[in-house]
């Protein structure tokens, strides 16, 4: 799987879901609001399945706390993140911030937090 492409597709799905949420909020018809809400839910489920997160996270895998060692995108150095998946062959990692926003960052920009 090409994780960069999969991540871009997942972000497009997220943008569509956000758009449907906005439409649902503005819609006066309860029936149409329900349709938008259902479409949002389905897109969220597909994104989770594609990236193997949420209900599709592997049972044998444990999320880890990591710290960002350099600024990436809008994430400042020192950001505390949750490592969801590491893609060693691509030197990439799928991480989530405290706001549950997903990022694909270089693996070597992360430092695993030690637990006592």
PDB file of N, CA and C in Angstrom:
ATOM      1  N   UNK A   1       0.841  -1.177   0.000  1.00  0.00           N
ATOM      2  CA  UNK A   1       0.000   0.000   0.000  1.00  0.00           C
ATOM      3  C   UNK A   1       0.887   1.242   0.000  1.00  0.00           C
ATOM      4  N   UNK A   2       0.546   2.207  -0.792  1.00  0.00           N
ATOM      5  CA  UNK A   2       1.228   3.492  -0.807  1.00  0.00           C
ATOM      6  C   UNK A   2       0.578   4.371   0.259  1.00  0.00           C
ATOM      7  N   UNK A   3       1.238   4.503   1.408  1.00  0.00           N
ATOM      8  CA  UNK A   3       0.634   5.202   2.541  1.00  0.00           C
ATOM      9  C   UNK A   3       0.416   6.679   2.248  1.00  0.00           C
ATOM     10  N   UNK A   4       1.298   7.300   1.483  1.00  0.00           N
ATOM     11  CA  UNK A   4       1.098   8.722   1.160  1.00  0.00           C
ATOM     12  C   UNK A   4      -0.199   8.914   0.384  1.00  0.00           C
ATOM     13  N   UNK A   5      -0.431   8.062  -0.591  1.00  0.00           N
ATOM     14  CA  UNK A   5      -1.657   8.149  -1.379  1.00  0.00           C
ATOM     15  C   UNK A   5      -2.881   7.826  -0.516  1.00  0.00           C
ATOM     16  N   UNK A   6      -2.788   6.785   0.287  1.00  0.00           N
ATOM     17  CA  UNK A   6      -3.903   6.409   1.160  1.00  0.00           C
ATOM     18  C   UNK A   6      -4.236   7.545   2.126  1.00  0.00           C
ATOM     19  N   UNK A   7      -3.203   8.206   2.651  1.00  0.00           N
ATOM     20  CA  UNK A   7      -3.429   9.310   3.582  1.00  0.00           C
ATOM     21  C   UNK A   7      -4.106  10.485   2.880  1.00  0.00           C
ATOM     22  N   UNK A   8      -3.675  10.785   1.663  1.00  0.00           N
ATOM     23  CA  UNK A   8      -4.300  11.872   0.898  1.00  0.00           C
ATOM     24  C   UNK A   8      -5.768  11.565   0.610  1.00  0.00           C
ATOM     25  N   UNK A   9      -6.060  10.326   0.248  1.00  0.00           N
ATOM     26  CA  UNK A   9      -7.451   9.924   0.006  1.00  0.00           C
ATOM     27  C   UNK A   9      -8.258  10.049   1.303  1.00  0.00           C
ATOM     28  N   UNK A  10      -7.675   9.634   2.415  1.00  0.00           N
ATOM     29  CA  UNK A  10      -8.361   9.732   3.707  1.00  0.00           C
ATOM     30  C   UNK A  10      -8.658  11.185   4.057  1.00  0.00           C
ATOM     31  N   UNK A  11      -7.727  12.086   3.764  1.00  0.00           N
ATOM     32  CA  UNK A  11      -7.948  13.511   4.042  1.00  0.00           C
ATOM     33  C   UNK A  11      -9.048  14.078   3.137  1.00  0.00           C
ATOM     34  N   UNK A  12      -9.125  13.608   1.902  1.00  0.00           N
ATOM     35  CA  UNK A  12     -10.209  14.035   1.006  1.00  0.00           C
ATOM     36  C   UNK A  12     -11.557  13.552   1.540  1.00  0.00           C
ATOM     37  N   UNK A  13     -11.587  12.339   2.066  1.00  0.00           N
ATOM     38  CA  UNK A  13     -12.812  11.802   2.656  1.00  0.00           C
ATOM     39  C   UNK A  13     -13.216  12.641   3.873  1.00  0.00           C
ATOM     40  N   UNK A  14     -12.233  13.028   4.660  1.00  0.00           N
ATOM     41  CA  UNK A  14     -12.495  13.859   5.834  1.00  0.00           C
ATOM     42  C   UNK A  14     -13.075  15.214   5.424  1.00  0.00           C
ATOM     43  N   UNK A  15     -12.527  15.802   4.373  1.00  0.00           N
ATOM     44  CA  UNK A  15     -13.035  17.088   3.881  1.00  0.00           C
ATOM     45  C   UNK A  15     -14.482  16.954   3.401  1.00  0.00           C
ATOM     46  N   UNK A  16     -14.789  15.869   2.705  1.00  0.00           N
ATOM     47  CA  UNK A  16     -16.170  15.625   2.274  1.00  0.00           C
ATOM     48  C   UNK A  16     -17.107  15.477   3.475  1.00  0.00           C
ATOM     49  N   UNK A  17     -16.670  14.710   4.461  1.00  0.00           N
ATOM     50  CA  UNK A  17     -17.490  14.505   5.662  1.00  0.00           C
ATOM     51  C   UNK A  17     -17.738  15.829   6.373  1.00  0.00           C
ATOM     52  N   UNK A  18     -16.708  16.670   6.470  1.00  0.00           N
ATOM     53  CA  UNK A  18     -16.872  17.977   7.105  1.00  0.00           C
ATOM     54  C   UNK A  18     -17.860  18.837   6.328  1.00  0.00           C
ATOM     55  N   UNK A  19     -17.795  18.765   5.010  1.00  0.00           N
ATOM     56  CA  UNK A  19     -18.742  19.500   4.173  1.00  0.00           C
ATOM     57  C   UNK A  19     -20.167  19.033   4.389  1.00  0.00           C
ATOM     58  N   UNK A  20     -20.359  17.728   4.490  1.00  0.00           N
ATOM     59  CA  UNK A  20     -21.698  17.191   4.744  1.00  0.00           C
ATOM     60  C   UNK A  20     -22.201  17.599   6.132  1.00  0.00           C
ATOM     61  N   UNK A  21     -21.293  17.656   7.108  1.00  0.00           N
ATOM     62  CA  UNK A  21     -21.680  18.122   8.444  1.00  0.00           C
ATOM     63  C   UNK A  21     -22.185  19.560   8.396  1.00  0.00           C
ATOM     64  N   UNK A  22     -21.484  20.400   7.635  1.00  0.00           N
ATOM     65  CA  UNK A  22     -21.899  21.799   7.494  1.00  0.00           C
ATOM     66  C   UNK A  22     -23.258  21.894   6.811  1.00  0.00           C
ATOM     67  N   UNK A  23     -23.458  21.100   5.776  1.00  0.00           N
ATOM     68  CA  UNK A  23     -24.755  21.102   5.088  1.00  0.00           C
ATOM     69  C   UNK A  23     -25.874  20.633   6.017  1.00  0.00           C
ATOM     70  N   UNK A  24     -25.588  19.615   6.811  1.00  0.00           N
ATOM     71  CA  UNK A  24     -26.592  19.102   7.750  1.00  0.00           C
ATOM     72  C   UNK A  24     -26.981  20.175   8.764  1.00  0.00           C
ATOM     73  N   UNK A  25     -25.995  20.949   9.218  1.00  0.00           N
ATOM     74  CA  UNK A  25     -26.264  21.989  10.210  1.00  0.00           C
ATOM     75  C   UNK A  25     -27.153  23.098   9.651  1.00  0.00           C
ATOM     76  N   UNK A  26     -27.058  23.332   8.349  1.00  0.00           N
ATOM     77  CA  UNK A  26     -27.842  24.407   7.721  1.00  0.00           C
ATOM     78  C   UNK A  26     -29.189  23.933   7.187  1.00  0.00           C
ATOM     79  N   UNK A  27     -29.369  22.643   7.107  1.00  0.00           N
ATOM     80  CA  UNK A  27     -30.576  22.080   6.489  1.00  0.00           C
ATOM     81  C   UNK A  27     -31.768  22.134   7.445  1.00  0.00           C
ATOM     82  N   UNK A  28     -32.909  22.561   6.951  1.00  0.00           N
ATOM     83  CA  UNK A  28     -34.109  22.635   7.795  1.00  0.00           C
ATOM     84  C   UNK A  28     -34.895  21.321   7.795  1.00  0.00           C
ATOM     85  N   UNK A  29     -34.773  20.543   6.742  1.00  0.00           N
ATOM     86  CA  UNK A  29     -35.498  19.277   6.655  1.00  0.00           C
ATOM     87  C   UNK A  29     -34.779  18.201   7.478  1.00  0.00           C
ATOM     88  N   UNK A  30     -35.511  17.626   8.424  1.00  0.00           N
ATOM     89  CA  UNK A  30     -34.920  16.578   9.257  1.00  0.00           C
ATOM     90  C   UNK A  30     -34.490  15.372   8.422  1.00  0.00           C
ATOM     91  N   UNK A  31     -35.263  15.048   7.411  1.00  0.00           N
ATOM     92  CA  UNK A  31     -34.944  13.905   6.551  1.00  0.00           C
ATOM     93  C   UNK A  31     -33.630  14.133   5.806  1.00  0.00           C
ATOM     94  N   UNK A  32     -33.438  15.320   5.270  1.00  0.00           N
ATOM     95  CA  UNK A  32     -32.203  15.628   4.545  1.00  0.00           C
ATOM     96  C   UNK A  32     -31.028  15.695   5.520  1.00  0.00           C
ATOM     97  N   UNK A  33     -31.247  16.264   6.716  1.00  0.00           N
ATOM     98  CA  UNK A  33     -30.190  16.296   7.742  1.00  0.00           C
ATOM     99  C   UNK A  33     -29.737  14.884   8.064  1.00  0.00           C
ATOM    100  N   UNK A  34     -30.689  13.978   8.192  1.00  0.00           N
ATOM    101  CA  UNK A  34     -30.359  12.579   8.491  1.00  0.00           C
ATOM    102  C   UNK A  34     -29.520  11.965   7.363  1.00  0.00           C
ATOM    103  N   UNK A  35     -29.850  12.273   6.128  1.00  0.00           N
ATOM    104  CA  UNK A  35     -29.084  11.752   4.980  1.00  0.00           C
ATOM    105  C   UNK A  35     -27.645  12.259   5.043  1.00  0.00           C
ATOM    106  N   UNK A  36     -27.462  13.565   5.291  1.00  0.00           N
ATOM    107  CA  UNK A  36     -26.109  14.127   5.397  1.00  0.00           C
ATOM    108  C   UNK A  36     -25.343  13.496   6.559  1.00  0.00           C
ATOM    109  N   UNK A  37     -26.023  13.311   7.674  1.00  0.00           N
ATOM    110  CA  UNK A  37     -25.381  12.712   8.845  1.00  0.00           C
ATOM    111  C   UNK A  37     -24.950  11.280   8.549  1.00  0.00           C
ATOM    112  N   UNK A  38     -25.789  10.530   7.872  1.00  0.00           N
ATOM    113  CA  UNK A  38     -25.451   9.148   7.512  1.00  0.00           C
ATOM    114  C   UNK A  38     -24.273   9.114   6.538  1.00  0.00           C
ATOM    115  N   UNK A  39     -24.247  10.043   5.582  1.00  0.00           N
ATOM    116  CA  UNK A  39     -23.125  10.108   4.633  1.00  0.00           C
ATOM    117  C   UNK A  39     -21.828  10.432   5.371  1.00  0.00           C
ATOM    118  N   UNK A  40     -21.905  11.335   6.342  1.00  0.00           N
ATOM    119  CA  UNK A  40     -20.735  11.685   7.149  1.00  0.00           C
ATOM    120  C   UNK A  40     -20.228  10.462   7.902  1.00  0.00           C
ATOM    121  N   UNK A  41     -21.140   9.736   8.526  1.00  0.00           N
ATOM    122  CA  UNK A  41     -20.778   8.534   9.270  1.00  0.00           C
ATOM    123  C   UNK A  41     -20.095   7.509   8.361  1.00  0.00           C
ATOM    124  N   UNK A  42     -20.662   7.278   7.183  1.00  0.00           N
ATOM    125  CA  UNK A  42     -20.097   6.302   6.251  1.00  0.00           C
ATOM    126  C   UNK A  42     -18.695   6.716   5.800  1.00  0.00           C
ATOM    127  N   UNK A  43     -18.496   7.999   5.530  1.00  0.00           N
ATOM    128  CA  UNK A  43     -17.164   8.475   5.136  1.00  0.00           C
ATOM    129  C   UNK A  43     -16.168   8.318   6.281  1.00  0.00           C
ATOM    130  N   UNK A  44     -16.589   8.613   7.510  1.00  0.00           N
ATOM    131  CA  UNK A  44     -15.719   8.427   8.674  1.00  0.00           C
ATOM    132  C   UNK A  44     -15.321   6.961   8.833  1.00  0.00           C
ATOM    133  N   UNK A  45     -16.281   6.063   8.639  1.00  0.00           N
ATOM    134  CA  UNK A  45     -15.994   4.632   8.743  1.00  0.00           C
ATOM    135  C   UNK A  45     -15.003   4.186   7.660  1.00  0.00           C
ATOM    136  N   UNK A  46     -15.199   4.665   6.438  1.00  0.00           N
ATOM    137  CA  UNK A  46     -14.280   4.310   5.349  1.00  0.00           C
ATOM    138  C   UNK A  46     -12.874   4.831   5.622  1.00  0.00           C
ATOM    139  N   UNK A  47     -12.773   6.052   6.140  1.00  0.00           N
ATOM    140  CA  UNK A  47     -11.462   6.612   6.475  1.00  0.00           C
ATOM    141  C   UNK A  47     -10.789   5.765   7.553  1.00  0.00           C
ATOM    142  N   UNK A  48     -11.537   5.385   8.574  1.00  0.00           N
ATOM    143  CA  UNK A  48     -10.986   4.557   9.646  1.00  0.00           C
ATOM    144  C   UNK A  48     -10.526   3.202   9.126  1.00  0.00           C
ATOM    145  N   UNK A  49     -11.305   2.629   8.245  1.00  0.00           N
ATOM    146  CA  UNK A  49     -10.958   1.330   7.658  1.00  0.00           C
ATOM    147  C   UNK A  49      -9.698   1.450   6.801  1.00  0.00           C
ATOM    148  N   UNK A  50      -9.624   2.492   5.988  1.00  0.00           N
ATOM    149  CA  UNK A  50      -8.475   2.709   5.108  1.00  0.00           C
ATOM    150  C   UNK A  50      -7.182   2.871   5.902  1.00  0.00           C
ATOM    151  N   UNK A  51      -7.236   3.654   6.983  1.00  0.00           N
ATOM    152  CA  UNK A  51      -6.036   3.934   7.776  1.00  0.00           C
ATOM    153  C   UNK A  51      -5.861   2.984   8.958  1.00  0.00           C
ATOM    154  N   UNK A  52      -6.784   2.058   9.142  1.00  0.00           N
ATOM    155  CA  UNK A  52      -6.777   1.106  10.259  1.00  0.00           C
ATOM    156  C   UNK A  52      -6.687   1.837  11.597  1.00  0.00           C
ATOM    157  N   UNK A  53      -7.669   2.710  11.826  1.00  0.00           N
ATOM    158  CA  UNK A  53      -7.751   3.443  13.082  1.00  0.00           C
ATOM    159  C   UNK A  53      -9.140   3.231  13.675  1.00  0.00           C
ATOM    160  N   UNK A  54      -9.344   3.755  14.862  1.00  0.00           N
ATOM    161  CA  UNK A  54     -10.640   3.699  15.533  1.00  0.00           C
ATOM    162  C   UNK A  54     -11.097   2.241  15.667  1.00  0.00           C
ATOM    163  N   UNK A  55     -12.268   1.907  15.175  1.00  0.00           N
ATOM    164  CA  UNK A  55     -12.789   0.539  15.296  1.00  0.00           C
ATOM    165  C   UNK A  55     -11.995  -0.480  14.489  1.00  0.00           C
ATOM    166  N   UNK A  56     -11.138  -0.026  13.601  1.00  0.00           N
ATOM    167  CA  UNK A  56     -10.366  -0.920  12.731  1.00  0.00           C
ATOM    168  C   UNK A  56      -8.899  -1.005  13.145  1.00  0.00           C
ATOM    169  N   UNK A  57      -8.562  -0.489  14.331  1.00  0.00           N
ATOM    170  CA  UNK A  57      -7.185  -0.550  14.820  1.00  0.00           C
ATOM    171  C   UNK A  57      -6.864  -1.993  15.190  1.00  0.00           C
ATOM    172  N   UNK A  58      -5.717  -2.508  14.741  1.00  0.00           N
ATOM    173  CA  UNK A  58      -5.373  -3.908  15.031  1.00  0.00           C
ATOM    174  C   UNK A  58      -5.363  -4.197  16.536  1.00  0.00           C
ATOM    175  N   UNK A  59      -6.017  -5.274  16.921  1.00  0.00           N
ATOM    176  CA  UNK A  59      -6.132  -5.633  18.339  1.00  0.00           C
ATOM    177  C   UNK A  59      -4.788  -5.926  18.991  1.00  0.00           C
ATOM    178  N   UNK A  60      -3.835  -6.428  18.222  1.00  0.00           N
ATOM    179  CA  UNK A  60      -2.540  -6.806  18.779  1.00  0.00           C
ATOM    180  C   UNK A  60      -1.545  -5.643  18.807  1.00  0.00           C
ATOM    181  N   UNK A  61      -1.978  -4.471  18.437  1.00  0.00           N
ATOM    182  CA  UNK A  61      -1.094  -3.311  18.361  1.00  0.00           C
ATOM    183  C   UNK A  61      -1.438  -2.331  19.480  1.00  0.00           C
ATOM    184  N   UNK A  62      -0.405  -1.694  20.039  1.00  0.00           N
ATOM    185  CA  UNK A  62      -0.590  -0.750  21.134  1.00  0.00           C
ATOM    186  C   UNK A  62      -0.171   0.640  20.675  1.00  0.00           C
ATOM    187  N   UNK A  63      -1.038   1.622  20.924  1.00  0.00           N
ATOM    188  CA  UNK A  63      -0.687   3.005  20.612  1.00  0.00           C
ATOM    189  C   UNK A  63       0.426   3.451  21.554  1.00  0.00           C
ATOM    190  N   UNK A  64       1.318   4.315  21.062  1.00  0.00           N
ATOM    191  CA  UNK A  64       2.433   4.804  21.872  1.00  0.00           C
ATOM    192  C   UNK A  64       2.414   6.323  21.896  1.00  0.00           C
ATOM    193  N   UNK A  65       2.889   6.876  23.000  1.00  0.00           N
ATOM    194  CA  UNK A  65       3.042   8.322  23.104  1.00  0.00           C
ATOM    195  C   UNK A  65       4.404   8.705  22.551  1.00  0.00           C
ATOM    196  N   UNK A  66       4.417   9.725  21.697  1.00  0.00           N
ATOM    197  CA  UNK A  66       5.662  10.198  21.097  1.00  0.00           C
ATOM    198  C   UNK A  66       5.696  11.723  21.171  1.00  0.00           C
ATOM    199  N   UNK A  67       6.910  12.260  21.011  1.00  0.00           N
ATOM    200  CA  UNK A  67       7.117  13.703  20.995  1.00  0.00           C
ATOM    201  C   UNK A  67       7.749  14.078  19.672  1.00  0.00           C
ATOM    202  N   UNK A  68       7.293  15.155  19.095  1.00  0.00           N
ATOM    203  CA  UNK A  68       7.832  15.642  17.826  1.00  0.00           C
ATOM    204  C   UNK A  68       9.138  16.381  18.098  1.00  0.00           C
ATOM    205  N   UNK A  69      10.202  15.996  17.415  1.00  0.00           N
ATOM    206  CA  UNK A  69      11.521  16.583  17.664  1.00  0.00           C
ATOM    207  C   UNK A  69      11.836  17.777  16.776  1.00  0.00           C
ATOM    208  N   UNK A  70      10.985  18.041  15.793  1.00  0.00           N
ATOM    209  CA  UNK A  70      11.147  19.236  14.955  1.00  0.00           C
ATOM    210  C   UNK A  70       9.782  19.638  14.409  1.00  0.00           C
ATOM    211  N   UNK A  71       9.656  20.878  14.007  1.00  0.00           N
ATOM    212  CA  UNK A  71       8.386  21.379  13.498  1.00  0.00           C
ATOM    213  C   UNK A  71       8.030  20.698  12.179  1.00  0.00           C
ATOM    214  N   UNK A  72       6.803  20.211  12.094  1.00  0.00           N
ATOM    215  CA  UNK A  72       6.285  19.563  10.889  1.00  0.00           C
ATOM    216  C   UNK A  72       4.906  20.158  10.627  1.00  0.00           C
ATOM    217  N   UNK A  73       4.692  20.660   9.410  1.00  0.00           N
ATOM    218  CA  UNK A  73       3.421  21.297   9.056  1.00  0.00           C
ATOM    219  C   UNK A  73       3.101  22.341  10.115  1.00  0.00           C
ATOM    220  N   UNK A  74       1.903  22.288  10.701  1.00  0.00           N
ATOM    221  CA  UNK A  74       1.549  23.258  11.735  1.00  0.00           C
ATOM    222  C   UNK A  74       1.816  22.736  13.144  1.00  0.00           C
ATOM    223  N   UNK A  75       2.486  21.596  13.255  1.00  0.00           N
ATOM    224  CA  UNK A  75       2.809  21.024  14.557  1.00  0.00           C
ATOM    225  C   UNK A  75       4.149  21.558  15.051  1.00  0.00           C
ATOM    226  N   UNK A  76       4.170  22.210  16.213  1.00  0.00           N
ATOM    227  CA  UNK A  76       5.437  22.739  16.727  1.00  0.00           C
ATOM    228  C   UNK A  76       6.321  21.642  17.335  1.00  0.00           C
ATOM    229  N   UNK A  77       7.602  21.915  17.403  1.00  0.00           N
ATOM    230  CA  UNK A  77       8.544  21.033  18.084  1.00  0.00           C
ATOM    231  C   UNK A  77       8.046  20.803  19.510  1.00  0.00           C
ATOM    232  N   UNK A  78       8.158  19.582  19.977  1.00  0.00           N
ATOM    233  CA  UNK A  78       7.733  19.245  21.333  1.00  0.00           C
ATOM    234  C   UNK A  78       6.284  18.813  21.446  1.00  0.00           C
ATOM    235  N   UNK A  79       5.565  18.804  20.328  1.00  0.00           N
ATOM    236  CA  UNK A  79       4.164  18.374  20.359  1.00  0.00           C
ATOM    237  C   UNK A  79       4.062  16.937  20.851  1.00  0.00           C
ATOM    238  N   UNK A  80       3.121  16.700  21.742  1.00  0.00           N
ATOM    239  CA  UNK A  80       2.844  15.352  22.240  1.00  0.00           C
ATOM    240  C   UNK A  80       1.815  14.725  21.310  1.00  0.00           C
ATOM    241  N   UNK A  81       2.150  13.567  20.771  1.00  0.00           N
ATOM    242  CA  UNK A  81       1.311  12.897  19.785  1.00  0.00           C
ATOM    243  C   UNK A  81       1.108  11.436  20.164  1.00  0.00           C
ATOM    244  N   UNK A  82       0.132  10.820  19.541  1.00  0.00           N
ATOM    245  CA  UNK A  82      -0.081   9.383  19.688  1.00  0.00           C
ATOM    246  C   UNK A  82       0.325   8.718  18.386  1.00  0.00           C
ATOM    247  N   UNK A  83       1.266   7.788  18.480  1.00  0.00           N
ATOM    248  CA  UNK A  83       1.710   7.026  17.315  1.00  0.00           C
ATOM    249  C   UNK A  83       0.702   5.912  17.059  1.00  0.00           C
ATOM    250  N   UNK A  84       0.080   5.950  15.892  1.00  0.00           N
ATOM    251  CA  UNK A  84      -0.894   4.927  15.521  1.00  0.00           C
ATOM    252  C   UNK A  84      -0.256   3.827  14.691  1.00  0.00           C
ATOM    253  N   UNK A  85       0.537   4.229  13.689  1.00  0.00           N
ATOM    254  CA  UNK A  85       1.203   3.262  12.816  1.00  0.00           C
ATOM    255  C   UNK A  85       2.556   3.814  12.384  1.00  0.00           C
ATOM    256  N   UNK A  86       3.536   2.931  12.266  1.00  0.00           N
ATOM    257  CA  UNK A  86       4.846   3.290  11.732  1.00  0.00           C
ATOM    258  C   UNK A  86       5.038   2.560  10.409  1.00  0.00           C
ATOM    259  N   UNK A  87       5.524   3.281   9.430  1.00  0.00           N
ATOM    260  CA  UNK A  87       5.787   2.713   8.098  1.00  0.00           C
ATOM    261  C   UNK A  87       7.285   2.840   7.842  1.00  0.00           C
ATOM    262  N   UNK A  88       8.039   1.888   8.405  1.00  0.00           N
ATOM    263  CA  UNK A  88       9.498   1.956   8.385  1.00  0.00           C
ATOM    264  C   UNK A  88      10.059   2.041   6.973  1.00  0.00           C
ATOM    265  N   UNK A  89       9.492   1.294   6.042  1.00  0.00           N
ATOM    266  CA  UNK A  89      10.003   1.304   4.666  1.00  0.00           C
ATOM    267  C   UNK A  89       9.895   2.676   4.017  1.00  0.00           C
ATOM    268  N   UNK A  90       8.906   3.460   4.434  1.00  0.00           N
ATOM    269  CA  UNK A  90       8.695   4.794   3.874  1.00  0.00           C
ATOM    270  C   UNK A  90       9.214   5.896   4.793  1.00  0.00           C
ATOM    271  N   UNK A  91       9.781   5.518   5.957  1.00  0.00           N
ATOM    272  CA  UNK A  91      10.233   6.471   6.967  1.00  0.00           C
ATOM    273  C   UNK A  91       9.103   7.434   7.349  1.00  0.00           C
ATOM    274  N   UNK A  92       7.887   6.904   7.508  1.00  0.00           N
ATOM    275  CA  UNK A  92       6.732   7.723   7.854  1.00  0.00           C
ATOM    276  C   UNK A  92       5.984   7.119   9.036  1.00  0.00           C
ATOM    277  N   UNK A  93       5.231   7.963   9.713  1.00  0.00           N
ATOM    278  CA  UNK A  93       4.407   7.510  10.829  1.00  0.00           C
ATOM    279  C   UNK A  93       3.071   8.233  10.788  1.00  0.00           C
ATOM    280  N   UNK A  94       2.021   7.501  11.093  1.00  0.00           N
ATOM    281  CA  UNK A  94       0.693   8.089  11.221  1.00  0.00           C
ATOM    282  C   UNK A  94       0.498   8.413  12.693  1.00  0.00           C
ATOM    283  N   UNK A  95       0.289   9.695  12.981  1.00  0.00           N
ATOM    284  CA  UNK A  95       0.136  10.145  14.362  1.00  0.00           C
ATOM    285  C   UNK A  95      -1.151  10.948  14.503  1.00  0.00           C
ATOM    286  N   UNK A  96      -1.555  11.106  15.758  1.00  0.00           N
ATOM    287  CA  UNK A  96      -2.773  11.852  16.069  1.00  0.00           C
ATOM    288  C   UNK A  96      -2.444  12.841  17.183  1.00  0.00           C
ATOM    289  N   UNK A  97      -2.924  14.082  17.047  1.00  0.00           N
ATOM    290  CA  UNK A  97      -2.697  15.052  18.113  1.00  0.00           C
ATOM    291  C   UNK A  97      -3.834  14.979  19.132  1.00  0.00           C
ATOM    292  N   UNK A  98      -3.780  15.845  20.143  1.00  0.00           N
ATOM    293  CA  UNK A  98      -4.790  15.811  21.204  1.00  0.00           C
ATOM    294  C   UNK A  98      -6.183  16.160  20.693  1.00  0.00           C
ATOM    295  N   UNK A  99      -6.252  16.885  19.569  1.00  0.00           N
ATOM    296  CA  UNK A  99      -7.534  17.233  18.967  1.00  0.00           C
ATOM    297  C   UNK A  99      -8.051  16.160  18.029  1.00  0.00           C
ATOM    298  N   UNK A 100      -7.371  15.025  17.991  1.00  0.00           N
ATOM    299  CA  UNK A 100      -7.708  13.870  17.154  1.00  0.00           C
ATOM    300  C   UNK A 100      -7.512  14.142  15.663  1.00  0.00           C
ATOM    301  N   UNK A 101      -6.663  15.120  15.338  1.00  0.00           N
ATOM    302  CA  UNK A 101      -6.309  15.399  13.944  1.00  0.00           C
ATOM    303  C   UNK A 101      -5.182  14.442  13.548  1.00  0.00           C
ATOM    304  N   UNK A 102      -5.270  13.885  12.353  1.00  0.00           N
ATOM    305  CA  UNK A 102      -4.277  12.924  11.874  1.00  0.00           C
ATOM    306  C   UNK A 102      -3.211  13.609  11.039  1.00  0.00           C
ATOM    307  N   UNK A 103      -1.977  13.123  11.181  1.00  0.00           N
ATOM    308  CA  UNK A 103      -0.847  13.636  10.410  1.00  0.00           C
ATOM    309  C   UNK A 103       0.020  12.469   9.964  1.00  0.00           C
ATOM    310  N   UNK A 104       0.616  12.614   8.807  1.00  0.00           N
ATOM    311  CA  UNK A 104       1.616  11.670   8.323  1.00  0.00           C
ATOM    312  C   UNK A 104       2.942  12.414   8.389  1.00  0.00           C
ATOM    313  N   UNK A 105       3.818  11.978   9.283  1.00  0.00           N
ATOM    314  CA  UNK A 105       5.064  12.707   9.539  1.00  0.00           C
ATOM    315  C   UNK A 105       6.265  11.785   9.352  1.00  0.00           C
ATOM    316  N   UNK A 106       7.461  12.364   9.149  1.00  0.00           N
ATOM    317  CA  UNK A 106       8.663  11.534   9.058  1.00  0.00           C
ATOM    318  C   UNK A 106       8.905  10.788  10.373  1.00  0.00           C
ATOM    319  N   UNK A 107       9.205   9.515  10.258  1.00  0.00           N
ATOM    320  CA  UNK A 107       9.449   8.670  11.425  1.00  0.00           C
ATOM    321  C   UNK A 107      10.596   9.220  12.267  1.00  0.00           C
ATOM    322  N   UNK A 108      11.636   9.731  11.596  1.00  0.00           N
ATOM    323  CA  UNK A 108      12.807  10.214  12.334  1.00  0.00           C
ATOM    324  C   UNK A 108      12.570  11.560  13.025  1.00  0.00           C
ATOM    325  N   UNK A 109      11.368  12.121  12.918  1.00  0.00           N
ATOM    326  CA  UNK A 109      11.024  13.361  13.622  1.00  0.00           C
ATOM    327  C   UNK A 109      10.295  13.069  14.938  1.00  0.00           C
ATOM    328  N   UNK A 110      10.242  11.788  15.312  1.00  0.00           N
ATOM    329  CA  UNK A 110       9.525  11.390  16.522  1.00  0.00           C
ATOM    330  C   UNK A 110      10.467  10.759  17.531  1.00  0.00           C
ATOM    331  N   UNK A 111      10.160  10.992  18.782  1.00  0.00           N
ATOM    332  CA  UNK A 111      10.903  10.370  19.871  1.00  0.00           C
ATOM    333  C   UNK A 111       9.885   9.705  20.790  1.00  0.00           C
ATOM    334  N   UNK A 112      10.083   8.424  21.017  1.00  0.00           N
ATOM    335  CA  UNK A 112       9.145   7.693  21.871  1.00  0.00           C
ATOM    336  C   UNK A 112       9.326   8.128  23.315  1.00  0.00           C
ATOM    337  N   UNK A 113       8.211   8.339  24.003  1.00  0.00           N
ATOM    338  CA  UNK A 113       8.264   8.720  25.407  1.00  0.00           C
ATOM    339  C   UNK A 113       8.492   7.477  26.245  1.00  0.00           C
ATOM    340  N   UNK A 114       9.400   7.594  27.178  1.00  0.00           N
ATOM    341  CA  UNK A 114       9.701   6.468  28.061  1.00  0.00           C
ATOM    342  C   UNK A 114       8.682   6.420  29.175  1.00  0.00           C
ATOM    343  N   UNK A 115       8.227   5.220  29.486  1.00  0.00           N
ATOM    344  CA  UNK A 115       7.279   5.042  30.582  1.00  0.00           C
ATOM    345  C   UNK A 115       7.984   4.332  31.718  1.00  0.00           C
ATOM    346  N   UNK A 116       7.677   4.726  32.912  1.00  0.00           N
ATOM    347  CA  UNK A 116       8.312   4.141  34.093  1.00  0.00           C
ATOM    348  C   UNK A 116       7.481   3.002  34.615  1.00  0.00           C
TER     349      UNK A 116
END
